[in-house]
């Protein structure tokens, strides 16, 4: 099979390729350029799962970056087991045709316990004293040690949180090339998250993101030039484009005021209780799954959602089927924001009673996605000194709580997840092979399969 490299530049759209991305602009000039129609939901884990299976979320089961487990009565965000993704993966199909086929899966999601030959994904250490130590998880296990011996510890705190920088994408790129030198996989899948950060923080404001665009352009240049020398077919794609937003919508606060939200008081703080709540929203960028535990409030919840400013669509089970998102993990309603809005997970009415995890980078504890984790609390003029003090406690081995995250959702200026965006903000698909000008998310799988099985170039 044809040696192929798929570079997922998260958030990349053609609207961003230009003056500040000189390499990508030149490189794509003589290549096929297609757009991918945004999928519902246009979210990382859902789209990636569709790309590698050719199946919609209704079949893969990946209806978002998280969902409510009705049996455990728990919200589960950012799980990592590949066993959660239903459907045959493209590399398993390829092995049936060519037993020598191998795949390297570098930071694409649902990476743990997959059938990939070589893989790496973020996985901090969580000692029993409450520390969070940067690390990664790999298959085979000793690949982690080899990579970190060559590149240093995986820069976890540059991958997500208020310290996000190009360092994480650079580390992933360098690690991908090392795996290629050591193992020469047939297919390499590379995830570069850098644009996701700056675009959510600042929107498409080139006065603020120009340097970020240049940084990711440099990383793409190094990857593409390296793999071109190896004779690989190269695909540059993205999962979604990010558009400007100016209105956070607090669905759970609206549901709470209607008597739908339950919580426990612990140490004067309010801890959300999903299993006891008649209805609640699991918010995920511009999409929210609303779960109704009490059937008697179903109609009331629907009416409430439809009347909420910032809500564009409220999809029941029948309407979800049309959008290929009808799955048992999906909410009783799937709510989609309008172009200017996005959904927070906030359920408290008084910031003084917000749970302690609200002011932390705590992606597994929050009942929804929180882009405000990229911002320090700007209401505290001494916040950097506070963060430094907390870091000092960590380095000295003391317990600490890095409670420095802002609760001001208006800081977020870019989002994604919905369909109906302008074509210039659609995800991209750039390759040497002729493809239709427009693709659906499931078409991406077919195009990748055609590239893999094309006659091998000299």
Protein backbone atom coordinates (compact mmCIF):
# COMPACT_ATOMS: atom_id res chain seq x y z
CA UNK A 1 0.00 0.00 0.00
CA UNK A 2 0.96 3.62 -0.49
CA UNK A 3 2.79 5.19 2.45
CA UNK A 4 0.40 7.93 3.61
CA UNK A 5 0.52 10.69 6.21
CA UNK A 6 -2.61 12.50 7.40
CA UNK A 7 -1.90 15.77 9.19
CA UNK A 8 -4.90 17.01 11.16
CA UNK A 9 -4.43 20.76 11.65
CA UNK A 10 -7.27 21.43 14.07
CA UNK A 11 -9.38 24.50 13.27
CA UNK A 12 -7.77 25.08 9.86
CA UNK A 13 -9.99 26.61 7.19
CA UNK A 14 -9.08 28.26 3.88
CA UNK A 15 -9.90 31.62 5.45
CA UNK A 16 -6.71 31.24 7.53
CA UNK A 17 -4.32 30.24 4.73
CA UNK A 18 -2.57 33.27 3.32
CA UNK A 19 -0.10 35.93 4.37
CA UNK A 20 0.69 34.35 7.74
CA UNK A 21 0.96 30.77 6.43
CA UNK A 22 3.38 31.18 3.50
CA UNK A 23 4.41 27.52 3.34
CA UNK A 24 0.90 26.08 3.32
CA UNK A 25 -0.23 28.70 0.82
CA UNK A 26 2.55 27.74 -1.60
CA UNK A 27 2.34 24.01 -0.96
CA UNK A 28 -1.37 23.73 -1.65
CA UNK A 29 -1.26 25.89 -4.80
CA UNK A 30 -0.65 22.90 -7.07
CA UNK A 31 -2.69 20.38 -5.13
CA UNK A 32 -6.31 19.41 -4.97
CA UNK A 33 -8.27 21.56 -2.53
CA UNK A 34 -11.61 20.38 -1.23
CA UNK A 35 -13.84 21.45 1.62
CA UNK A 36 -15.56 19.09 4.03
CA UNK A 37 -19.16 19.83 4.96
CA UNK A 38 -19.30 20.29 8.73
CA UNK A 39 -20.69 17.25 10.50
CA UNK A 40 -23.05 17.42 13.47
CA UNK A 41 -21.45 17.59 15.90
CA UNK A 42 -18.36 19.30 14.47
CA UNK A 43 -16.26 18.21 17.44
CA UNK A 44 -12.85 16.57 17.68
CA UNK A 45 -13.67 13.09 18.90
CA UNK A 46 -16.80 12.72 16.77
CA UNK A 47 -15.20 13.85 13.52
CA UNK A 48 -12.00 11.87 13.98
CA UNK A 49 -14.03 8.73 14.69
CA UNK A 50 -16.00 9.25 11.48
CA UNK A 51 -12.83 9.86 9.45
CA UNK A 52 -11.26 6.54 10.49
CA UNK A 53 -14.42 4.40 10.24
CA UNK A 54 -16.47 6.01 7.49
CA UNK A 55 -19.48 5.87 9.84
CA UNK A 56 -21.67 8.64 11.23
CA UNK A 57 -21.94 9.27 15.00
CA UNK A 58 -25.18 7.27 15.01
CA UNK A 59 -23.01 4.24 14.21
CA UNK A 60 -19.71 5.03 15.94
CA UNK A 61 -21.49 6.12 19.13
CA UNK A 62 -19.22 9.15 19.47
CA UNK A 63 -21.92 11.80 19.79
CA UNK A 64 -19.56 14.37 21.30
CA UNK A 65 -16.46 14.80 23.40
CA UNK A 66 -18.49 13.34 26.23
CA UNK A 67 -21.94 12.05 27.15
CA UNK A 68 -24.10 11.06 30.10
CA UNK A 69 -23.84 7.44 31.15
CA UNK A 70 -27.40 6.71 32.17
CA UNK A 71 -26.42 3.54 34.03
CA UNK A 72 -23.66 5.10 36.12
CA UNK A 73 -25.62 8.38 36.28
CA UNK A 74 -22.37 10.20 35.52
CA UNK A 75 -21.17 12.63 32.88
CA UNK A 76 -18.09 11.20 31.19
CA UNK A 77 -15.86 13.63 29.30
CA UNK A 78 -12.74 13.00 27.23
CA UNK A 79 -12.54 9.23 27.69
CA UNK A 80 -9.68 7.58 25.84
CA UNK A 81 -10.44 3.91 25.21
CA UNK A 82 -10.72 3.06 21.53
CA UNK A 83 -13.22 0.37 22.47
CA UNK A 84 -15.82 3.16 22.78
CA UNK A 85 -15.70 3.67 19.00
CA UNK A 86 -17.88 1.23 17.08
CA UNK A 87 -16.98 0.34 13.51
CA UNK A 88 -14.02 -1.18 11.73
CA UNK A 89 -11.03 1.17 11.64
CA UNK A 90 -9.37 1.93 8.32
CA UNK A 91 -6.09 0.33 9.41
CA UNK A 92 -7.82 -2.94 10.35
CA UNK A 93 -9.36 -3.08 6.89
CA UNK A 94 -5.97 -2.34 5.35
CA UNK A 95 -4.31 -5.21 7.26
CA UNK A 96 -6.80 -7.64 5.77
CA UNK A 97 -5.58 -6.62 2.32
CA UNK A 98 -1.91 -6.28 3.24
CA UNK A 99 -0.69 -8.12 6.38
CA UNK A 100 2.48 -6.00 6.41
CA UNK A 101 0.46 -2.79 6.82
CA UNK A 102 1.27 -0.77 9.97
CA UNK A 103 -0.17 2.43 11.42
CA UNK A 104 1.13 5.15 13.72
CA UNK A 105 -1.61 7.06 15.55
CA UNK A 106 -0.02 10.17 17.03
CA UNK A 107 -2.41 11.92 19.42
CA UNK A 108 -5.58 11.29 17.42
CA UNK A 109 -8.28 10.71 20.02
CA UNK A 110 -9.47 7.36 21.43
CA UNK A 111 -5.89 6.19 21.23
CA UNK A 112 -5.67 3.84 24.19
CA UNK A 113 -6.17 0.11 23.64
CA UNK A 114 -6.62 0.56 19.91
CA UNK A 115 -5.27 -1.89 17.37
CA UNK A 116 -2.77 0.69 16.09
CA UNK A 117 0.81 -0.57 15.94
CA UNK A 118 2.31 2.61 17.36
CA UNK A 119 0.44 5.32 19.22
CA UNK A 120 0.84 8.14 21.70
CA UNK A 121 -1.71 10.22 23.59
CA UNK A 122 -1.73 12.64 26.57
CA UNK A 123 -1.96 10.78 29.87
CA UNK A 124 -0.87 12.61 33.05
CA UNK A 125 0.27 10.79 36.14
CA UNK A 126 -2.12 11.24 39.08
CA UNK A 127 -0.31 10.24 42.29
CA UNK A 128 -2.43 9.69 45.38
CA UNK A 129 -1.25 13.00 46.89
CA UNK A 130 -3.31 14.93 44.31
CA UNK A 131 -0.52 16.02 41.99
CA UNK A 132 -0.90 16.05 38.20
CA UNK A 133 2.40 15.21 36.51
CA UNK A 134 2.91 15.65 32.73
CA UNK A 135 3.25 12.38 30.86
CA UNK A 136 1.89 10.45 27.88
CA UNK A 137 0.66 6.94 27.14
CA UNK A 138 2.04 4.92 24.26
CA UNK A 139 1.74 1.62 22.48
CA UNK A 140 4.12 -0.14 22.76
CA UNK A 141 4.72 0.98 26.34
CA UNK A 142 8.46 1.54 25.95
CA UNK A 143 7.84 3.98 23.09
CA UNK A 144 6.94 6.52 25.78
CA UNK A 145 10.39 6.23 27.33
CA UNK A 146 12.20 6.44 24.01
CA UNK A 147 10.28 9.52 22.92
CA UNK A 148 10.68 11.36 26.21
CA UNK A 149 14.37 10.49 26.33
CA UNK A 150 14.79 12.15 22.92
CA UNK A 151 12.33 15.04 23.27
CA UNK A 152 11.89 15.61 26.99
CA UNK A 153 8.68 15.11 28.94
CA UNK A 154 5.51 15.63 26.92
CA UNK A 155 4.57 19.31 27.56
CA UNK A 156 1.11 18.61 28.95
CA UNK A 157 0.56 22.09 30.35
CA UNK A 158 1.25 23.54 26.89
CA UNK A 159 -1.28 21.11 25.38
CA UNK A 160 -4.25 22.52 27.31
CA UNK A 161 -4.84 25.25 29.86
CA UNK A 162 -3.77 28.90 30.21
CA UNK A 163 -0.19 28.04 29.18
CA UNK A 164 -1.03 26.55 25.78
CA UNK A 165 1.71 27.21 23.20
CA UNK A 166 3.15 25.72 20.04
CA UNK A 167 5.37 23.48 22.19
CA UNK A 168 2.82 20.67 22.34
CA UNK A 169 2.20 20.58 18.58
CA UNK A 170 5.95 20.78 17.97
CA UNK A 171 6.53 17.86 20.35
CA UNK A 172 3.84 15.79 18.59
CA UNK A 173 5.36 16.56 15.18
CA UNK A 174 8.88 15.65 16.31
CA UNK A 175 7.60 12.48 17.97
CA UNK A 176 5.77 11.50 14.77
CA UNK A 177 8.95 11.82 12.72
CA UNK A 178 10.92 9.80 15.27
CA UNK A 179 8.35 6.99 15.15
CA UNK A 180 8.60 7.08 11.37
CA UNK A 181 12.41 6.81 11.49
CA UNK A 182 12.25 3.92 13.92
CA UNK A 183 9.34 1.96 12.42
CA UNK A 184 8.38 3.32 8.96
CA UNK A 185 4.60 2.85 9.35
CA UNK A 186 2.45 2.66 6.23
CA UNK A 187 -0.11 5.12 7.59
CA UNK A 188 0.63 7.93 10.02
CA UNK A 189 -2.12 10.01 11.64
CA UNK A 190 -0.85 13.25 13.24
CA UNK A 191 -2.90 15.62 15.41
CA UNK A 192 -1.74 19.25 15.66
CA UNK A 193 -3.99 21.13 18.12
CA UNK A 194 -2.31 24.54 18.22
CA UNK A 195 -4.85 26.63 16.24
CA UNK A 196 -7.66 25.29 18.40
CA UNK A 197 -6.35 27.33 21.30
CA UNK A 198 -5.79 30.75 19.79
CA UNK A 199 -8.96 30.65 17.70
CA UNK A 200 -11.16 29.89 20.69
CA UNK A 201 -9.43 32.57 22.72
CA UNK A 202 -9.38 35.33 20.12
CA UNK A 203 -11.57 34.27 17.21
CA UNK A 204 -10.33 34.99 13.70
CA UNK A 205 -8.54 38.19 14.69
CA UNK A 206 -5.29 38.17 12.73
CA UNK A 207 -3.87 40.99 14.84
CA UNK A 208 -3.83 38.49 17.72
CA UNK A 209 -3.29 35.13 16.00
CA UNK A 210 -0.75 36.00 13.28
CA UNK A 211 2.16 34.57 15.25
CA UNK A 212 0.20 31.38 15.98
CA UNK A 213 -0.50 30.95 12.28
CA UNK A 214 3.20 31.32 11.48
CA UNK A 215 4.11 28.82 14.19
CA UNK A 216 1.78 26.10 12.94
CA UNK A 217 2.85 26.84 9.37
CA UNK A 218 6.46 26.15 10.39
CA UNK A 219 5.49 22.86 12.02
CA UNK A 220 3.54 21.81 8.91
CA UNK A 221 6.51 22.75 6.72
CA UNK A 222 8.87 20.54 8.70
CA UNK A 223 6.48 17.59 8.66
CA UNK A 224 5.59 17.86 4.99
CA UNK A 225 9.15 18.29 3.81
CA UNK A 226 10.28 15.32 5.90
CA UNK A 227 7.54 13.00 4.64
CA UNK A 228 7.88 14.14 1.04
CA UNK A 229 11.50 12.99 1.20
CA UNK A 230 10.18 9.61 2.34
CA UNK A 231 7.94 9.37 -0.74
CA UNK A 232 4.73 9.53 1.26
CA UNK A 233 1.37 10.74 0.04
CA UNK A 234 0.40 13.65 2.28
CA UNK A 235 -3.07 14.78 3.26
CA UNK A 236 -3.65 17.96 5.24
CA UNK A 237 -7.13 18.14 6.70
CA UNK A 238 -9.08 19.55 9.62
CA UNK A 239 -12.11 18.54 11.64
CA UNK A 240 -13.92 21.89 11.66
CA UNK A 241 -13.41 25.60 11.20
CA UNK A 242 -13.78 27.98 14.10
CA UNK A 243 -15.99 31.06 13.80
CA UNK A 244 -16.36 34.17 15.93
CA UNK A 245 -18.85 34.12 18.82
CA UNK A 246 -19.92 36.79 21.26
CA UNK A 247 -22.64 35.23 23.43
CA UNK A 248 -22.23 32.44 26.00
CA UNK A 249 -25.53 30.70 26.72
CA UNK A 250 -25.89 29.12 30.17
CA UNK A 251 -28.39 26.35 29.49
CA UNK A 252 -28.05 24.75 32.91
CA UNK A 253 -28.74 28.03 34.68
CA UNK A 254 -31.90 28.37 32.63
CA UNK A 255 -32.88 24.79 33.50
CA UNK A 256 -32.05 25.43 37.14
CA UNK A 257 -34.31 28.45 37.31
CA UNK A 258 -37.06 26.17 35.96
CA UNK A 259 -36.42 23.67 38.79
CA UNK A 260 -34.61 21.06 36.70
CA UNK A 261 -31.13 21.06 38.28
CA UNK A 262 -30.16 19.29 41.50
CA UNK A 263 -26.95 19.74 43.45
CA UNK A 264 -25.41 18.88 46.78
CA UNK A 265 -23.90 21.45 49.09
CA UNK A 266 -20.36 20.56 50.15
CA UNK A 267 -18.27 22.99 52.19
CA UNK A 268 -20.51 25.83 51.07
CA UNK A 269 -20.12 24.95 47.39
CA UNK A 270 -22.63 23.46 44.96
CA UNK A 271 -21.77 20.09 43.42
CA UNK A 272 -23.90 19.14 40.43
CA UNK A 273 -25.91 15.91 40.76
CA UNK A 274 -26.70 14.61 37.29
CA UNK A 275 -28.58 11.50 38.40
CA UNK A 276 -30.97 13.46 40.60
CA UNK A 277 -31.67 16.26 38.11
CA UNK A 278 -34.97 16.01 36.20
CA UNK A 279 -33.13 17.45 33.18
CA UNK A 280 -29.72 18.96 32.45
CA UNK A 281 -27.48 19.98 29.55
CA UNK A 282 -24.09 18.52 28.75
CA UNK A 283 -22.62 21.44 26.84
CA UNK A 284 -19.93 20.92 24.23
CA UNK A 285 -18.94 24.09 22.34
CA UNK A 286 -21.94 24.99 20.12
CA UNK A 287 -23.77 21.71 20.74
CA UNK A 288 -25.42 20.45 23.90
CA UNK A 289 -26.98 17.12 24.77
CA UNK A 290 -29.95 17.66 27.06
CA UNK A 291 -30.83 14.56 29.07
CA UNK A 292 -34.31 14.24 30.56
CA UNK A 293 -34.35 11.92 33.57
CA UNK A 294 -37.99 12.70 34.40
CA UNK A 295 -40.25 12.03 31.38
CA UNK A 296 -42.98 14.23 32.85
CA UNK A 297 -40.92 17.39 32.15
CA UNK A 298 -40.05 16.46 28.55
CA UNK A 299 -42.42 18.91 26.86
CA UNK A 300 -41.60 21.65 29.37
CA UNK A 301 -37.88 21.26 28.69
CA UNK A 302 -38.37 21.37 24.95
CA UNK A 303 -40.42 24.56 25.14
CA UNK A 304 -37.87 26.13 27.44
CA UNK A 305 -34.99 25.33 25.11
CA UNK A 306 -36.80 26.55 22.01
CA UNK A 307 -37.45 29.91 23.68
CA UNK A 308 -33.84 30.41 24.82
CA UNK A 309 -31.97 33.21 22.99
CA UNK A 310 -28.92 31.79 21.24
CA UNK A 311 -30.53 28.42 20.53
CA UNK A 312 -31.01 27.78 16.81
CA UNK A 313 -32.29 24.20 16.77
CA UNK A 314 -33.66 21.66 19.24
CA UNK A 315 -33.50 18.15 17.80
CA UNK A 316 -35.65 15.35 19.18
CA UNK A 317 -34.95 11.69 18.42
CA UNK A 318 -36.61 11.77 15.00
CA UNK A 319 -34.72 14.89 13.98
CA UNK A 320 -31.47 13.44 15.31
CA UNK A 321 -31.92 10.53 12.93
CA UNK A 322 -31.88 12.92 9.96
CA UNK A 323 -28.59 14.37 11.25
CA UNK A 324 -27.03 10.91 11.82
CA UNK A 325 -26.56 11.54 15.54
CA UNK A 326 -29.33 9.29 16.89
CA UNK A 327 -27.60 6.97 19.34
CA UNK A 328 -28.37 5.79 22.88
CA UNK A 329 -25.57 8.05 24.18
CA UNK A 330 -27.14 11.16 22.65
CA UNK A 331 -29.35 13.42 24.70
CA UNK A 332 -33.11 13.31 24.54
CA UNK A 333 -32.61 16.65 22.81
CA UNK A 334 -29.57 17.76 20.85
CA UNK A 335 -29.41 21.55 20.99
CA UNK A 336 -27.49 23.60 18.44
CA UNK A 337 -26.43 27.21 18.99
CA UNK A 338 -26.87 30.02 16.51
CA UNK A 339 -23.84 31.48 14.75
CA UNK A 340 -22.99 34.01 17.46
CA UNK A 341 -23.45 31.77 20.49
CA UNK A 342 -21.93 28.85 22.37
CA UNK A 343 -22.98 26.83 25.43
CA UNK A 344 -21.33 26.84 28.86
CA UNK A 345 -21.73 24.06 31.43
CA UNK A 346 -22.29 26.57 34.26
CA UNK A 347 -25.13 25.62 36.60
CA UNK A 348 -24.49 27.79 39.70
CA UNK A 349 -26.06 31.23 40.08
CA UNK A 350 -23.46 32.72 42.43
CA UNK A 351 -19.74 32.43 41.58
CA UNK A 352 -18.96 32.29 45.31
CA UNK A 353 -20.77 28.92 45.38
CA UNK A 354 -19.18 27.50 42.23
CA UNK A 355 -17.53 24.08 42.80
CA UNK A 356 -13.79 24.07 43.37
CA UNK A 357 -13.15 22.38 40.02
CA UNK A 358 -14.71 25.35 38.19
CA UNK A 359 -11.52 27.33 38.80
CA UNK A 360 -9.25 24.45 37.77
CA UNK A 361 -8.17 22.82 34.55
CA UNK A 362 -10.31 19.75 35.24
CA UNK A 363 -11.56 18.31 31.97
CA UNK A 364 -12.78 15.04 33.51
CA UNK A 365 -14.63 16.59 36.47
CA UNK A 366 -16.72 19.22 34.74
CA UNK A 367 -20.13 18.20 33.37
CA UNK A 368 -19.31 19.69 29.98
CA UNK A 369 -16.57 21.38 28.00
CA UNK A 370 -15.01 24.56 29.41
CA UNK A 371 -12.97 26.78 27.04
CA UNK A 372 -12.49 29.28 29.86
CA UNK A 373 -9.78 26.89 31.10
CA UNK A 374 -7.47 28.78 28.73
CA UNK A 375 -7.86 31.99 30.75
CA UNK A 376 -6.57 32.92 34.17
CA UNK A 377 -8.92 34.82 36.48
CA UNK A 378 -8.56 38.40 35.26
CA UNK A 379 -10.55 39.79 38.19
CA UNK A 380 -7.59 39.05 40.45
CA UNK A 381 -4.69 41.47 39.78
CA UNK A 382 -2.35 39.14 41.68
CA UNK A 383 -3.36 36.01 39.78
CA UNK A 384 0.10 35.41 38.30
CA UNK A 385 1.68 35.69 41.74
CA UNK A 386 -0.94 33.25 43.02
CA UNK A 387 -0.15 30.82 40.22
CA UNK A 388 3.57 31.14 40.94
CA UNK A 389 2.99 30.43 44.62
CA UNK A 390 0.92 27.34 43.76
CA UNK A 391 3.63 26.15 41.39
CA UNK A 392 6.23 26.66 44.11
CA UNK A 393 4.21 24.46 46.47
CA UNK A 394 4.04 21.82 43.76
CA UNK A 395 7.80 21.88 43.17
CA UNK A 396 8.43 21.58 46.92
CA UNK A 397 6.17 18.54 47.09
CA UNK A 398 3.31 20.16 49.03
CA UNK A 399 -0.35 19.69 48.22
CA UNK A 400 -1.79 22.49 46.13
CA UNK A 401 -4.87 23.49 44.16
CA UNK A 402 -4.18 25.44 40.98
CA UNK A 403 -7.46 27.36 41.29
CA UNK A 404 -6.59 30.21 38.93
CA UNK A 405 -9.08 29.72 36.05
CA UNK A 406 -11.53 32.45 35.07
CA UNK A 407 -15.30 32.07 35.39
CA UNK A 408 -15.90 34.80 32.79
CA UNK A 409 -17.32 33.00 29.75
CA UNK A 410 -17.41 36.24 27.73
CA UNK A 411 -13.62 35.94 27.28
CA UNK A 412 -14.17 33.17 24.71
CA UNK A 413 -14.27 34.60 21.18
CA UNK A 414 -14.35 31.55 18.91
CA UNK A 415 -16.26 28.27 18.82
CA UNK A 416 -17.41 25.36 16.66
CA UNK A 417 -19.71 22.36 16.65
CA UNK A 418 -22.67 23.55 14.58
CA UNK A 419 -23.41 23.12 10.89
CA UNK A 420 -24.49 25.90 8.55
CA UNK A 421 -21.25 27.88 8.62
CA UNK A 422 -19.99 29.71 5.53
CA UNK A 423 -17.84 27.57 3.18
CA UNK A 424 -14.71 29.61 3.90
CA UNK A 425 -14.90 28.28 7.47
CA UNK A 426 -15.41 24.65 6.49
CA UNK A 427 -12.70 22.10 7.28
CA UNK A 428 -10.13 21.49 4.55
CA UNK A 429 -8.92 18.45 2.63
CA UNK A 430 -5.71 19.00 0.65
CA UNK A 431 -3.91 16.22 -1.22
CA UNK A 432 -2.17 15.28 -4.46
CA UNK A 433 -5.10 13.12 -5.57
CA UNK A 434 -8.11 14.34 -7.48
CA UNK A 435 -11.15 14.56 -5.22
CA UNK A 436 -14.56 16.20 -5.46
CA UNK A 437 -14.58 19.84 -4.43
CA UNK A 438 -16.94 19.07 -1.55
CA UNK A 439 -16.82 16.08 0.74
CA UNK A 440 -18.91 14.85 3.61
CA UNK A 441 -17.19 13.58 6.73
CA UNK A 442 -17.81 9.95 5.71
CA UNK A 443 -16.38 10.72 2.24
CA UNK A 444 -13.04 11.50 3.92
CA UNK A 445 -12.69 7.83 4.82
CA UNK A 446 -13.29 6.84 1.18
CA UNK A 447 -10.72 9.34 -0.08
CA UNK A 448 -8.11 8.12 2.42
CA UNK A 449 -8.78 4.54 1.34
CA UNK A 450 -8.29 5.47 -2.31
CA UNK A 451 -4.96 7.11 -1.49
CA UNK A 452 -3.77 4.13 0.55
CA UNK A 453 -4.67 1.64 -2.16
CA UNK A 454 -3.45 3.70 -5.14
CA UNK A 455 -0.48 2.37 -7.11
CA UNK A 456 2.66 2.98 -5.08
CA UNK A 457 4.68 5.93 -6.39
CA UNK A 458 8.38 5.52 -7.03
